[in-house]
Amino acid sequence: MTAILPNRSGTDFAVLSRQIRAAGLLRRRRISYSVRILATVSFYAATWWAFVMVGDSWYQTIVAAVLGIAFTQVAFLGHDGGHQQVARTKRNNDLLGLITGDLLVGLCYGWWVDEHTRHHANPNQEGRDPDIGESVITFTDKQAHARSGRVERFIAAHQAWLFFPLLTLEGINLHVQSVDWLRRTRIRRYRRTELVLLTVHVLAYLAVVLLVLSPVKALCFVAIQQAVWGVYMGCSFAPNHKGMPTLGPDETLDFLRRQVVTSRNIRGGRFTDLLLGGLNYQVEHHLFPNMPRGNLRKAQPIVQAHCRDLAVPYTETGLFRSYAIALGHLHAVGAPLRARTARRAVTVG
């Protein structure tokens, strides 16, 4: 699905930007973020304290699930730091990203910034947005047609049904991609620091788990914790763009339209804001990536009014409806492969 909208000059975004700046919505919120960081890190630390207190017990399966949630909330802080939302200086924002990403959850901050920056520059654009690039899941018809192996074709054909089960492996995948990126990257900034922090994370994580739990319980704990983290991360990011218009490799739109028509907001109150780490305001976030999370709700009516005046489609749905749309898109992409399999079955029969 391709978005075709008239291109205008960049002044459309400039007008909106002036309104946002006049409202003071790009100013740092140091007190708000200090409270948020303290609360999130305390939640993370309290979960590990509970892990030690519970001891070698199968009740640790509950702690594992809670820790998966804590990992995601900490990762949201790293996301904010990567977008320079928190502190006034890049050094302090990067420090937050390194601690929350590499040390606390084992996610390479440099890799994430590299991937996410390219995504923000080219949302839902084939060949340019890494979030719809080659992976286990196919996001475009071209990718589906390119599937050659039997297992690859099966996954692509039934990916809507397999999407949530596959997310249970996303936590492990994030660790693997982090290490792989550090191994092959030519970007040297923070590379040694990240290698040290990631190593400390892995060794400390495994040491604590194996010191408290028997091997079988430890394996179950790690599997549950990583699965919950993967599913929570995937469920937080999937509603934002999946099933929204995609742009061809050479298709161009001005900045405002490119960001708005490819993004989807999720309706909800303060709990939704907390649950999704502010990603429920995806349109506003893509237009102003460095806007502090707490200001996105305030920016929404300004952005909505501006888009309405320009007749630019502004999409907002409920959370579960967004999943239905995303899964519907994945199901449609896999349809040709299912049809091909059905034809072969009829021929063989």
Protein backbone atom coordinates (compact mmCIF):
# COMPACT_ATOMS: atom_id res chain seq x y z
CA MET A 1 0.00 0.00 0.00
CA THR A 2 1.51 3.27 -1.09
CA ALA A 3 0.65 6.73 0.17
CA ILE A 4 0.13 9.24 -2.63
CA LEU A 5 -0.24 12.76 -1.36
CA PRO A 6 0.62 16.10 -2.92
CA ASN A 7 4.04 17.38 -2.02
CA ARG A 8 4.30 20.92 -0.79
CA SER A 9 7.15 23.01 0.45
CA GLY A 10 8.78 22.40 3.80
CA THR A 11 6.94 25.43 5.17
CA ASP A 12 4.07 23.16 6.25
CA PHE A 13 6.33 21.60 8.87
CA ALA A 14 7.98 24.94 9.66
CA VAL A 15 4.61 26.41 10.64
CA LEU A 16 3.91 23.46 12.93
CA SER A 17 7.40 23.61 14.40
CA ARG A 18 6.96 27.26 15.34
CA GLN A 19 3.71 26.45 17.12
CA ILE A 20 5.34 23.63 19.06
CA ARG A 21 8.31 25.77 20.07
CA ALA A 22 6.06 28.66 21.07
CA ALA A 23 4.20 26.26 23.38
CA GLY A 24 7.53 25.32 25.00
CA LEU A 25 7.09 21.62 24.22
CA LEU A 26 10.71 21.00 23.20
CA ARG A 27 12.15 22.18 26.52
CA ARG A 28 13.82 19.52 28.67
CA ARG A 29 11.78 18.25 31.66
CA ARG A 30 14.52 17.51 34.16
CA ILE A 31 12.32 17.04 37.23
CA SER A 32 9.84 14.85 35.39
CA TYR A 33 12.60 12.66 33.97
CA SER A 34 14.42 12.50 37.31
CA VAL A 35 11.27 11.07 38.89
CA ARG A 36 10.70 8.71 35.96
CA ILE A 37 14.29 7.43 36.00
CA LEU A 38 14.25 6.95 39.78
CA ALA A 39 10.92 5.09 39.68
CA THR A 40 11.93 2.86 36.76
CA VAL A 41 15.35 1.93 38.12
CA SER A 42 13.81 1.33 41.55
CA PHE A 43 11.26 -1.03 39.97
CA TYR A 44 14.10 -2.83 38.18
CA ALA A 45 16.20 -3.12 41.36
CA ALA A 46 13.20 -4.18 43.48
CA THR A 47 12.48 -6.99 41.06
CA TRP A 48 16.02 -8.32 41.40
CA TRP A 49 15.73 -7.98 45.19
CA ALA A 50 12.50 -10.03 45.07
CA PHE A 51 14.34 -12.61 42.97
CA VAL A 52 16.97 -13.06 45.68
CA MET A 53 14.35 -13.15 48.46
CA VAL A 54 12.17 -15.76 46.75
CA GLY A 55 15.15 -18.08 46.36
CA ASP A 56 15.20 -21.47 44.68
CA SER A 57 11.47 -21.73 44.08
CA TRP A 58 9.12 -22.17 41.14
CA TYR A 59 7.49 -18.90 42.22
CA GLN A 60 10.41 -17.39 40.36
CA THR A 61 8.38 -17.85 37.17
CA ILE A 62 6.30 -14.89 38.38
CA VAL A 63 9.42 -12.85 39.14
CA ALA A 64 10.75 -13.70 35.67
CA ALA A 65 7.65 -12.25 34.02
CA VAL A 66 7.85 -9.08 36.14
CA LEU A 67 11.54 -8.70 35.30
CA GLY A 68 10.66 -8.92 31.59
CA ILE A 69 8.34 -5.96 32.12
CA ALA A 70 11.06 -4.11 34.05
CA PHE A 71 13.55 -4.69 31.23
CA THR A 72 11.15 -3.06 28.75
CA GLN A 73 10.48 -0.04 30.95
CA VAL A 74 14.23 0.47 31.36
CA ALA A 75 14.67 0.11 27.59
CA PHE A 76 12.13 2.92 27.11
CA LEU A 77 14.48 5.19 29.06
CA GLY A 78 17.31 4.22 26.72
CA HIS A 79 15.03 5.08 23.79
CA ASP A 80 14.44 8.54 25.25
CA GLY A 81 18.15 9.04 25.84
CA GLY A 82 18.94 7.99 22.28
CA HIS A 83 16.58 10.67 21.00
CA GLN A 84 18.25 13.29 23.24
CA GLN A 85 14.96 13.88 25.07
CA VAL A 86 16.20 13.74 28.63
CA ALA A 87 19.29 15.90 29.27
CA ARG A 88 20.58 19.09 27.68
CA THR A 89 23.86 17.57 26.51
CA LYS A 90 24.45 14.65 24.17
CA ARG A 91 27.03 13.22 26.55
CA ASN A 92 24.51 12.86 29.38
CA ASN A 93 21.83 11.45 27.10
CA ASP A 94 24.33 8.90 25.76
CA LEU A 95 25.37 8.03 29.30
CA LEU A 96 21.76 7.25 30.13
CA GLY A 97 21.48 5.11 26.99
CA LEU A 98 24.67 3.19 27.75
CA ILE A 99 23.66 2.42 31.34
CA THR A 100 20.05 1.49 30.65
CA GLY A 101 20.76 -0.29 27.37
CA ASP A 102 24.09 -2.07 27.63
CA LEU A 103 24.43 -2.51 31.39
CA LEU A 104 20.88 -3.04 32.66
CA VAL A 105 19.17 -4.89 29.79
CA GLY A 106 22.01 -6.07 27.53
CA LEU A 107 20.95 -4.07 24.47
CA CYS A 108 23.69 -2.33 22.48
CA TYR A 109 22.98 1.40 22.55
CA GLY A 110 25.12 2.18 19.50
CA TRP A 111 23.39 -0.47 17.39
CA TRP A 112 19.97 0.74 18.42
CA VAL A 113 20.78 4.39 17.67
CA ASP A 114 22.17 3.44 14.24
CA GLU A 115 19.11 1.36 13.30
CA HIS A 116 16.56 3.70 14.81
CA THR A 117 18.01 6.82 13.22
CA ARG A 118 17.67 5.24 9.77
CA HIS A 119 14.12 4.22 10.59
CA HIS A 120 13.14 7.75 11.60
CA ALA A 121 14.67 9.20 8.44
CA ASN A 122 12.83 6.74 6.17
CA PRO A 123 9.76 5.32 7.95
CA ASN A 124 8.11 2.47 6.04
CA GLN A 125 10.22 3.08 2.93
CA GLU A 126 11.28 -0.06 1.11
CA GLY A 127 15.01 -0.56 1.00
CA ARG A 128 15.69 2.26 3.46
CA ASP A 129 13.79 1.56 6.67
CA PRO A 130 15.55 -1.26 8.59
CA ASP A 131 12.32 -1.94 10.51
CA ILE A 132 10.77 -3.37 7.35
CA GLY A 133 14.00 -4.84 6.04
CA GLU A 134 14.95 -8.49 5.68
CA SER A 135 14.05 -10.53 8.74
CA VAL A 136 12.11 -13.63 9.72
CA ILE A 137 8.90 -11.68 9.09
CA THR A 138 8.13 -10.38 5.59
CA PHE A 139 6.65 -6.90 5.38
CA THR A 140 6.32 -6.39 1.62
CA ASP A 141 5.15 -8.43 -1.38
CA LYS A 142 8.66 -8.29 -2.82
CA GLN A 143 10.13 -9.87 0.31
CA ALA A 144 7.46 -12.59 0.32
CA HIS A 145 8.12 -13.50 -3.32
CA ALA A 146 11.84 -13.73 -2.60
CA ARG A 147 11.38 -16.45 0.03
CA SER A 148 12.96 -19.63 -1.33
CA GLY A 149 13.46 -22.17 1.46
CA ARG A 150 10.59 -24.38 2.57
CA VAL A 151 10.73 -23.18 6.18
CA GLU A 152 11.03 -19.53 5.11
CA ARG A 153 8.01 -19.85 2.82
CA PHE A 154 5.98 -21.56 5.55
CA ILE A 155 6.76 -18.81 8.07
CA ALA A 156 5.96 -16.05 5.57
CA ALA A 157 2.72 -17.74 4.52
CA HIS A 158 1.49 -18.08 8.12
CA GLN A 159 3.30 -15.16 9.73
CA ALA A 160 0.15 -13.52 11.08
CA TRP A 161 -0.46 -16.60 13.25
CA LEU A 162 3.22 -16.96 14.11
CA PHE A 163 3.86 -13.28 14.91
CA PHE A 164 3.30 -13.38 18.68
CA PRO A 165 5.00 -16.77 19.18
CA LEU A 166 8.03 -15.46 17.27
CA LEU A 167 8.16 -12.41 19.54
CA THR A 168 9.08 -14.72 22.43
CA LEU A 169 12.48 -15.02 20.73
CA GLU A 170 12.90 -11.28 20.15
CA GLY A 171 14.66 -10.69 23.47
CA ILE A 172 17.37 -13.19 22.57
CA ASN A 173 17.51 -11.75 19.08
CA LEU A 174 18.19 -8.26 20.47
CA HIS A 175 21.16 -9.60 22.45
CA VAL A 176 22.53 -11.46 19.42
CA GLN A 177 22.18 -8.45 17.10
CA SER A 178 23.86 -6.23 19.69
CA VAL A 179 26.93 -8.46 19.87
CA ASP A 180 27.03 -8.94 16.10
CA TRP A 181 26.87 -5.18 15.47
CA LEU A 182 29.72 -4.49 17.90
CA ARG A 183 31.77 -7.22 16.22
CA ARG A 184 31.45 -5.84 12.69
CA THR A 185 30.78 -2.11 13.08
CA ARG A 186 33.23 0.53 11.97
CA ILE A 187 31.65 3.05 14.34
CA ARG A 188 34.20 3.31 17.14
CA ARG A 189 32.40 5.74 19.43
CA TYR A 190 31.71 4.00 22.76
CA ARG A 191 32.57 0.61 21.23
CA ARG A 192 34.97 -0.47 23.99
CA THR A 193 32.69 0.91 26.66
CA GLU A 194 29.76 -1.03 25.25
CA LEU A 195 31.76 -4.24 25.02
CA VAL A 196 32.66 -3.91 28.69
CA LEU A 197 29.12 -3.03 29.79
CA LEU A 198 27.52 -5.82 27.77
CA THR A 199 30.02 -8.33 29.16
CA VAL A 200 29.31 -7.17 32.71
CA HIS A 201 25.58 -7.48 32.07
CA VAL A 202 25.79 -11.04 30.74
CA LEU A 203 28.17 -12.28 33.44
CA ALA A 204 26.26 -10.61 36.30
CA TYR A 205 22.88 -11.78 34.99
CA LEU A 206 23.97 -15.40 34.63
CA ALA A 207 25.94 -15.41 37.88
CA VAL A 208 23.01 -14.16 39.96
CA VAL A 209 20.54 -16.53 38.32
CA LEU A 210 22.78 -19.60 38.70
CA LEU A 211 23.75 -18.74 42.28
CA VAL A 212 20.11 -18.55 43.37
CA LEU A 213 18.43 -21.19 41.21
CA SER A 214 19.05 -24.81 40.34
CA PRO A 215 20.03 -25.36 36.68
CA VAL A 216 16.52 -26.41 35.56
CA LYS A 217 14.81 -23.53 37.35
CA ALA A 218 17.48 -21.14 36.04
CA LEU A 219 16.80 -22.24 32.47
CA CYS A 220 13.06 -21.74 32.94
CA PHE A 221 13.61 -18.34 34.55
CA VAL A 222 15.78 -17.07 31.70
CA ALA A 223 13.39 -18.43 29.06
CA ILE A 224 10.34 -16.77 30.64
CA GLN A 225 12.09 -13.47 31.38
CA GLN A 226 13.52 -13.12 27.90
CA ALA A 227 10.23 -14.20 26.29
CA VAL A 228 8.20 -11.61 28.22
CA TRP A 229 10.73 -8.92 27.38
CA GLY A 230 10.61 -9.84 23.69
CA VAL A 231 6.82 -9.92 23.53
CA TYR A 232 6.45 -6.66 25.46
CA MET A 233 9.01 -4.90 23.24
CA GLY A 234 7.38 -6.23 20.09
CA CYS A 235 3.88 -5.32 21.24
CA SER A 236 5.07 -1.79 22.04
CA PHE A 237 6.67 -1.12 18.66
CA ALA A 238 4.48 -3.18 16.27
CA PRO A 239 1.38 -0.92 16.41
CA ASN A 240 3.36 2.14 15.31
CA HIS A 241 3.87 1.50 11.58
CA LYS A 242 2.87 -2.05 10.62
CA GLY A 243 -0.10 -1.95 8.26
CA MET A 244 0.39 1.73 7.52
CA PRO A 245 1.20 2.99 3.99
CA THR A 246 4.60 2.01 2.65
CA LEU A 247 6.70 4.06 0.26
CA GLY A 248 8.57 2.71 -2.73
CA PRO A 249 12.37 3.01 -2.85
CA ASP A 250 12.24 6.09 -5.06
CA GLU A 251 9.00 7.61 -3.78
CA THR A 252 9.29 10.99 -2.11
CA LEU A 253 7.13 12.98 0.26
CA ASP A 254 7.95 16.11 2.21
CA PHE A 255 9.03 15.59 5.82
CA LEU A 256 5.68 16.26 7.49
CA ARG A 257 3.66 13.96 5.23
CA ARG A 258 6.29 11.22 5.23
CA GLN A 259 6.22 11.05 9.02
CA VAL A 260 2.46 11.43 9.52
CA VAL A 261 1.02 9.11 6.86
CA THR A 262 3.31 6.20 7.80
CA SER A 263 2.67 6.43 11.57
CA ARG A 264 -0.20 5.37 13.79
CA ASN A 265 -1.16 6.67 17.24
CA ILE A 266 -2.79 4.55 19.94
CA ARG A 267 -5.68 5.97 21.95
CA GLY A 268 -5.57 5.80 25.71
CA GLY A 269 -4.94 7.63 28.94
CA ARG A 270 -2.02 7.89 31.33
CA PHE A 271 -1.81 4.12 31.78
CA THR A 272 -1.37 3.65 28.02
CA ASP A 273 1.34 6.32 28.08
CA LEU A 274 3.16 4.35 30.78
CA LEU A 275 2.51 0.96 29.20
CA LEU A 276 3.89 1.96 25.79
CA GLY A 277 6.58 4.35 26.96
CA GLY A 278 5.08 7.28 25.05
CA LEU A 279 5.28 5.37 21.76
CA ASN A 280 1.49 5.62 21.54
CA TYR A 281 2.09 9.19 20.29
CA GLN A 282 4.00 7.90 17.29
CA VAL A 283 2.99 10.71 14.94
CA GLU A 284 4.18 13.43 17.31
CA HIS A 285 7.29 11.43 18.18
CA HIS A 286 8.27 11.08 14.52
CA LEU A 287 7.72 14.75 13.83
CA PHE A 288 9.68 15.83 16.92
CA PRO A 289 11.96 12.93 17.97
CA ASN A 290 13.72 14.99 20.65
CA MET A 291 10.48 16.08 22.35
CA PRO A 292 10.38 14.88 25.99
CA ARG A 293 7.99 11.99 26.44
CA GLY A 294 5.78 13.89 28.86
CA ASN A 295 5.09 16.62 26.29
CA LEU A 296 3.83 14.36 23.51
CA ARG A 297 0.28 14.33 24.91
CA LYS A 298 0.27 18.13 24.95
CA ALA A 299 1.56 18.32 21.39
CA GLN A 300 -1.08 15.99 19.99
CA PRO A 301 -3.99 18.47 19.62
CA ILE A 302 -1.67 20.99 17.95
CA VAL A 303 -0.46 18.38 15.45
CA GLN A 304 -3.97 17.06 14.84
CA ALA A 305 -5.31 20.53 14.09
CA HIS A 306 -2.43 21.28 11.73
CA CYS A 307 -2.91 18.01 9.84
CA ARG A 308 -6.65 18.66 9.61
CA ASP A 309 -6.03 22.10 8.11
CA LEU A 310 -3.71 20.56 5.51
CA ALA A 311 -5.99 17.55 4.83
CA VAL A 312 -3.16 15.20 5.81
CA PRO A 313 -4.47 11.82 7.08
CA TYR A 314 -3.83 11.47 10.82
CA THR A 315 -4.33 7.91 12.08
CA GLU A 316 -5.28 6.97 15.63
CA THR A 317 -6.80 3.66 16.76
CA GLY A 318 -7.29 1.56 19.87
CA LEU A 319 -4.47 -0.74 20.94
CA PHE A 320 -6.14 -4.02 20.01
CA ARG A 321 -7.40 -2.59 16.75
CA SER A 322 -3.82 -1.65 15.88
CA TYR A 323 -2.75 -5.27 16.39
CA ALA A 324 -5.60 -6.44 14.17
CA ILE A 325 -4.49 -4.06 11.41
CA ALA A 326 -0.85 -5.12 11.70
CA LEU A 327 -1.71 -8.82 11.66
CA GLY A 328 -4.09 -8.27 8.75
CA HIS A 329 -1.25 -6.69 6.80
CA LEU A 330 1.09 -9.61 7.55
CA HIS A 331 -1.65 -12.07 6.57
CA ALA A 332 -2.21 -10.28 3.26
CA VAL A 333 1.52 -10.24 2.45
CA GLY A 334 1.65 -14.01 2.99
CA ALA A 335 -1.45 -14.71 0.85
CA PRO A 336 0.41 -15.42 -2.45
CA LEU A 337 2.56 -18.03 -0.70
CA ARG A 338 -0.50 -19.74 0.78
CA ALA A 339 -2.14 -19.73 -2.64
CA ARG A 340 1.00 -21.24 -4.20
CA THR A 341 1.04 -23.99 -1.59
CA ALA A 342 -2.64 -24.71 -2.20
CA ARG A 343 -2.08 -24.99 -5.97
CA ARG A 344 0.76 -27.40 -5.46
CA ALA A 345 -1.38 -29.52 -3.14
CA VAL A 346 -4.13 -29.70 -5.75
CA THR A 347 -1.62 -30.61 -8.47
CA VAL A 348 -0.08 -33.38 -6.36
CA GLY A 349 -3.51 -34.63 -5.35
